Amino acid sequence: MIRAVVWGENVHEQTNQTVRDTYPDGMHACIAEALNAARDIEATTATLQDPEHGLSQARLDETDVLLWWGHAAHGDVSDEVVARVADAVWGGMGLILLHSAHFAKIFKTLMGTPCNLTWREAGERERLWVTARGHPIAKGLPDHFELENEEMYGEPFAVPEPLETVFISWFQGGEVFRSGLTYRRGAGNVFYFRPGHETYPTYYDENVRKVLVNGVRWAQPDAPRLKEVHEAPNRTVDTALEPIEERGPKLHADGEKGFR
């Protein structure tokens, strides 16, 4: 069973009537419901308002894939929690970033870039094209599918070149956007998926739900979680696999930690 946690900012659901009407139990609950419909996924939820944002070390240790949706309160996310999530990803936990999570602290930390883009909120039709046929995330999808109302995101998208571009979106206004990108960060699989503006019922769409399920299956760890991801051991001469002789001056004593 793949253990997934859906993290939701849970702000607009409490402050905006349209969002509340569209997702009465919260966007995070809607996404978790879609995942739990798959027999091999067990999804729970966490929110910004929970203690430690619902992402304690113990919970992350038991999480295979974390899904992240945020928009209005990126700055309210604790840096300590962000560092904890980054360590989990580097150790092998999968991470899926949804829609406006392109500006989430954790995404910017892992990408090392501003992650900015152009945008327009006009309820435009979005047509998503599969650009990587045969990719596990696109399994069971048609060559393209449409969302009648969505927020436009446009290029340039200031992210590193991805491992794979799984989807490209076209919008009624003419813009295009790389809307499904995969990365590897440390031992962890990372997937950014663009659709999901909170005032539209995007997460009820069957094709979107299929992408989320496929994404979780793709992002799940393929090996036990790595521990001590920041360790940089000082290997002494006597532990070398082949005999060597120490030569020249050095800064560190045998076994001493290096500079950080």
Protein backbone atom coordinates (compact mmCIF):
# COMPACT_ATOMS: atom_id res chain seq x y z
CA MET A 1 0.00 0.00 0.00
CA ILE A 2 1.36 3.43 -0.98
CA ARG A 3 1.07 5.85 1.92
CA ALA A 4 0.21 9.34 0.66
CA VAL A 5 -0.34 12.58 2.55
CA VAL A 6 -2.22 15.43 0.86
CA TRP A 7 -1.07 18.75 2.30
CA GLY A 8 -3.48 21.65 1.81
CA GLU A 9 -3.01 25.27 2.76
CA ASN A 10 -6.72 25.36 3.71
CA VAL A 11 -6.99 29.14 3.64
CA HIS A 12 -9.33 30.03 0.78
CA GLU A 13 -11.72 27.27 1.83
CA GLN A 14 -12.28 29.28 5.01
CA THR A 15 -12.31 32.80 3.52
CA ASN A 16 -13.84 32.53 0.03
CA GLN A 17 -17.44 31.42 -0.48
CA THR A 18 -16.87 30.16 -4.03
CA VAL A 19 -14.04 27.92 -2.90
CA ARG A 20 -16.04 26.77 0.11
CA ASP A 21 -19.00 25.87 -2.12
CA THR A 22 -16.78 24.05 -4.62
CA TYR A 23 -14.78 22.14 -2.02
CA PRO A 24 -16.93 22.04 1.15
CA ASP A 25 -14.55 19.64 2.90
CA GLY A 26 -11.43 21.35 1.56
CA MET A 27 -9.39 20.80 -1.59
CA HIS A 28 -7.08 18.48 0.32
CA ALA A 29 -10.02 16.22 1.21
CA CYS A 30 -11.20 16.13 -2.42
CA ILE A 31 -7.74 15.11 -3.62
CA ALA A 32 -7.41 12.48 -0.89
CA GLU A 33 -10.80 11.09 -1.88
CA ALA A 34 -9.58 10.67 -5.46
CA LEU A 35 -6.46 8.86 -4.30
CA ASN A 36 -8.32 6.60 -1.88
CA ALA A 37 -10.48 5.36 -4.74
CA ALA A 38 -7.36 3.52 -5.96
CA ARG A 39 -6.92 0.15 -4.27
CA ASP A 40 -3.16 0.54 -3.79
CA ILE A 41 -3.14 4.03 -2.23
CA GLU A 42 -3.99 5.08 1.32
CA ALA A 43 -4.26 8.86 1.53
CA THR A 44 -4.61 11.08 4.59
CA THR A 45 -4.55 14.88 4.87
CA ALA A 46 -2.62 17.61 6.64
CA THR A 47 -3.08 21.38 6.66
CA LEU A 48 -1.19 24.56 7.40
CA GLN A 49 -3.20 25.03 10.59
CA ASP A 50 -2.22 21.66 12.12
CA PRO A 51 0.61 21.51 14.70
CA GLU A 52 3.87 21.42 12.71
CA HIS A 53 1.59 21.84 9.66
CA GLY A 54 0.70 18.17 10.09
CA LEU A 55 4.18 17.18 8.94
CA SER A 56 6.04 16.00 12.01
CA GLN A 57 9.21 13.98 11.54
CA ALA A 58 7.36 10.84 12.63
CA ARG A 59 4.64 11.38 10.03
CA LEU A 60 7.09 12.09 7.22
CA ASP A 61 8.99 8.93 8.14
CA GLU A 62 5.78 7.02 7.41
CA THR A 63 4.96 8.86 4.16
CA ASP A 64 5.78 7.47 0.72
CA VAL A 65 4.45 10.39 -1.31
CA LEU A 66 3.54 13.92 -0.20
CA LEU A 67 1.20 16.06 -2.34
CA TRP A 68 1.38 19.84 -1.78
CA TRP A 69 -1.17 22.54 -2.60
CA GLY A 70 -0.57 26.13 -1.48
CA HIS A 71 -1.30 29.63 -2.74
CA ALA A 72 -2.02 32.50 -0.34
CA ALA A 73 0.18 31.58 2.61
CA HIS A 74 3.51 30.27 1.30
CA GLY A 75 5.29 32.61 3.71
CA ASP A 76 3.44 31.14 6.70
CA VAL A 77 5.00 27.73 6.21
CA SER A 78 7.70 27.09 8.81
CA ASP A 79 11.26 26.98 7.48
CA GLU A 80 11.90 24.11 9.88
CA VAL A 81 9.12 22.06 8.29
CA VAL A 82 10.38 22.93 4.79
CA ALA A 83 13.85 21.69 5.72
CA ARG A 84 12.33 18.52 7.16
CA VAL A 85 10.38 17.84 3.95
CA ALA A 86 13.45 18.52 1.81
CA ASP A 87 15.44 15.98 3.83
CA ALA A 88 12.66 13.44 3.31
CA VAL A 89 12.71 14.02 -0.45
CA TRP A 90 16.49 13.76 -0.62
CA GLY A 91 16.15 10.51 1.29
CA GLY A 92 13.63 9.07 -1.18
CA MET A 93 10.11 10.33 -0.36
CA GLY A 94 8.10 11.28 -3.45
CA LEU A 95 6.75 14.84 -3.77
CA ILE A 96 3.98 16.15 -6.02
CA LEU A 97 3.52 19.92 -6.31
CA LEU A 98 0.12 21.14 -7.47
CA HIS A 99 -0.80 24.34 -9.31
CA SER A 100 0.27 27.43 -7.31
CA ALA A 101 2.68 25.34 -5.27
CA HIS A 102 5.18 26.50 -7.89
CA PHE A 103 5.85 29.31 -5.39
CA ALA A 104 5.91 27.01 -2.34
CA LYS A 105 9.06 27.24 -0.26
CA ILE A 106 9.71 23.54 -0.70
CA PHE A 107 9.53 23.71 -4.52
CA LYS A 108 11.81 26.75 -4.70
CA THR A 109 14.22 25.05 -2.30
CA LEU A 110 14.41 21.90 -4.42
CA MET A 111 14.55 23.75 -7.75
CA GLY A 112 17.03 26.45 -6.73
CA THR A 113 15.27 28.95 -9.04
CA PRO A 114 12.57 31.65 -8.68
CA CYS A 115 9.87 29.36 -10.21
CA ASN A 116 8.02 32.43 -11.53
CA LEU A 117 5.68 32.50 -14.54
CA THR A 118 2.99 34.60 -16.22
CA TRP A 119 -0.68 34.18 -15.29
CA ARG A 120 -4.24 35.36 -15.91
CA GLU A 121 -7.40 34.51 -13.97
CA ALA A 122 -10.15 34.49 -16.60
CA GLY A 123 -11.72 31.02 -16.50
CA GLU A 124 -10.21 30.04 -19.84
CA ARG A 125 -10.37 26.63 -21.46
CA GLU A 126 -7.19 24.66 -20.91
CA ARG A 127 -6.19 21.87 -23.26
CA LEU A 128 -3.52 19.54 -21.88
CA TRP A 129 -1.50 17.56 -24.42
CA VAL A 130 0.38 14.39 -23.51
CA THR A 131 3.94 14.94 -24.70
CA ALA A 132 5.44 11.73 -23.30
CA ARG A 133 3.38 8.82 -24.58
CA GLY A 134 3.97 5.70 -22.55
CA HIS A 135 5.04 7.61 -19.45
CA PRO A 136 3.56 6.06 -16.27
CA ILE A 137 2.00 9.39 -15.27
CA ALA A 138 0.08 9.52 -18.57
CA LYS A 139 -1.15 5.92 -18.37
CA GLY A 140 -4.76 5.53 -19.48
CA LEU A 141 -5.10 9.12 -20.73
CA PRO A 142 -6.12 10.25 -24.21
CA ASP A 143 -3.67 12.25 -26.32
CA HIS A 144 -5.24 15.39 -24.88
CA PHE A 145 -8.00 16.43 -22.52
CA GLU A 146 -9.68 19.73 -21.69
CA LEU A 147 -10.69 21.68 -18.60
CA GLU A 148 -13.45 24.16 -19.39
CA ASN A 149 -12.37 26.75 -16.80
CA GLU A 150 -8.89 27.25 -15.45
CA GLU A 151 -6.39 29.95 -14.53
CA MET A 152 -3.83 30.56 -17.25
CA TYR A 153 -0.16 29.93 -16.56
CA GLY A 154 2.25 30.98 -19.29
CA GLU A 155 5.89 30.68 -20.21
CA PRO A 156 8.60 31.44 -19.41
CA PHE A 157 8.50 29.15 -16.37
CA ALA A 158 11.69 29.74 -14.37
CA VAL A 159 12.48 26.17 -13.35
CA PRO A 160 15.43 23.91 -14.19
CA GLU A 161 15.22 21.74 -17.28
CA PRO A 162 13.14 18.73 -16.20
CA LEU A 163 13.93 15.07 -16.63
CA GLU A 164 10.69 14.74 -18.62
CA THR A 165 7.91 17.00 -19.82
CA VAL A 166 4.78 14.86 -19.57
CA PHE A 167 2.15 17.52 -20.40
CA ILE A 168 1.99 20.83 -22.22
CA SER A 169 -1.05 23.09 -21.84
CA TRP A 170 -2.66 25.45 -24.33
CA PHE A 171 -5.02 28.20 -23.19
CA GLN A 172 -7.75 30.11 -25.03
CA GLY A 173 -5.73 33.31 -24.85
CA GLY A 174 -2.97 31.64 -26.88
CA GLU A 175 -0.37 30.91 -24.20
CA VAL A 176 1.27 27.53 -23.69
CA PHE A 177 2.84 26.11 -20.54
CA ARG A 178 4.90 23.07 -19.53
CA SER A 179 2.29 21.72 -17.16
CA GLY A 180 3.65 18.31 -16.13
CA LEU A 181 7.34 18.16 -15.20
CA THR A 182 9.38 15.46 -13.48
CA TYR A 183 12.59 15.81 -11.49
CA ARG A 184 14.89 13.72 -9.35
CA ARG A 185 16.18 15.39 -6.21
CA GLY A 186 18.53 13.22 -4.20
CA ALA A 187 16.78 9.85 -4.06
CA GLY A 188 13.30 11.37 -4.37
CA ASN A 189 10.99 11.65 -7.38
CA VAL A 190 9.36 15.08 -7.84
CA PHE A 191 6.39 15.87 -10.11
CA TYR A 192 4.92 19.31 -10.77
CA PHE A 193 1.35 19.30 -12.16
CA ARG A 194 -0.17 22.64 -13.16
CA PRO A 195 -4.04 22.47 -13.04
CA GLY A 196 -5.91 23.19 -9.83
CA HIS A 197 -7.04 26.80 -9.34
CA GLU A 198 -9.24 26.84 -6.26
CA THR A 199 -12.31 28.59 -7.72
CA TYR A 200 -12.82 25.87 -10.34
CA PRO A 201 -13.85 22.21 -9.84
CA THR A 202 -10.63 20.89 -11.39
CA TYR A 203 -9.98 18.16 -8.82
CA TYR A 204 -13.31 16.49 -9.62
CA ASP A 205 -12.26 15.96 -13.26
CA GLU A 206 -11.67 12.27 -13.97
CA ASN A 207 -8.59 12.85 -16.13
CA VAL A 208 -7.02 15.09 -13.48
CA ARG A 209 -7.76 12.44 -10.86
CA LYS A 210 -6.14 9.80 -13.06
CA VAL A 211 -3.01 11.96 -13.31
CA LEU A 212 -2.88 12.30 -9.52
CA VAL A 213 -3.19 8.55 -8.98
CA ASN A 214 -0.61 7.82 -11.68
CA GLY A 215 1.65 10.49 -10.22
CA VAL A 216 1.56 8.93 -6.76
CA ARG A 217 2.39 5.53 -8.20
CA TRP A 218 5.28 7.00 -10.19
CA ALA A 219 6.65 9.05 -7.28
CA GLN A 220 6.61 6.29 -4.66
CA PRO A 221 10.09 5.31 -3.39
CA ASP A 222 11.84 2.45 -5.17
CA ALA A 223 14.15 1.70 -2.22
CA PRO A 224 14.18 2.12 1.58
CA ARG A 225 14.46 5.74 2.76
CA LEU A 226 18.01 7.00 3.05
CA LYS A 227 18.98 8.35 6.45
CA GLU A 228 21.60 10.97 7.36
CA VAL A 229 21.31 12.66 3.98
CA HIS A 230 23.66 15.46 5.08
CA GLU A 231 26.51 13.18 6.18
CA ALA A 232 29.86 13.65 4.44
CA PRO A 233 32.19 11.06 6.05
CA ASN A 234 35.94 11.54 6.17
CA ARG A 235 37.31 8.23 4.80
CA THR A 236 40.70 7.46 6.29
CA VAL A 237 43.63 5.94 4.40
CA ASP A 238 43.31 2.60 6.16
CA THR A 239 39.72 2.19 4.88
CA ALA A 240 40.60 2.63 1.18
CA LEU A 241 39.66 -0.35 -0.97
CA GLU A 242 43.13 -0.38 -2.53
CA PRO A 243 46.41 0.16 -0.63
CA ILE A 244 47.50 3.81 -0.74
CA GLU A 245 50.16 5.88 1.01
CA GLU A 246 49.33 9.20 2.60
CA ARG A 247 51.29 12.04 1.00
CA GLY A 248 51.56 15.77 1.57
CA PRO A 249 50.15 18.10 4.25
CA LYS A 250 46.48 18.12 5.17
CA LEU A 251 43.95 20.23 7.05
CA HIS A 252 42.05 17.52 8.92
CA ALA A 253 42.95 14.78 11.36
CA ASP A 254 41.80 11.25 10.57
CA GLY A 255 38.04 10.99 11.07
CA GLU A 256 37.62 14.72 11.72
CA LYS A 257 34.51 16.34 10.23
CA GLY A 258 34.96 18.66 7.28
CA PHE A 259 34.04 22.32 7.08
CA ARG A 260 30.37 23.26 6.56
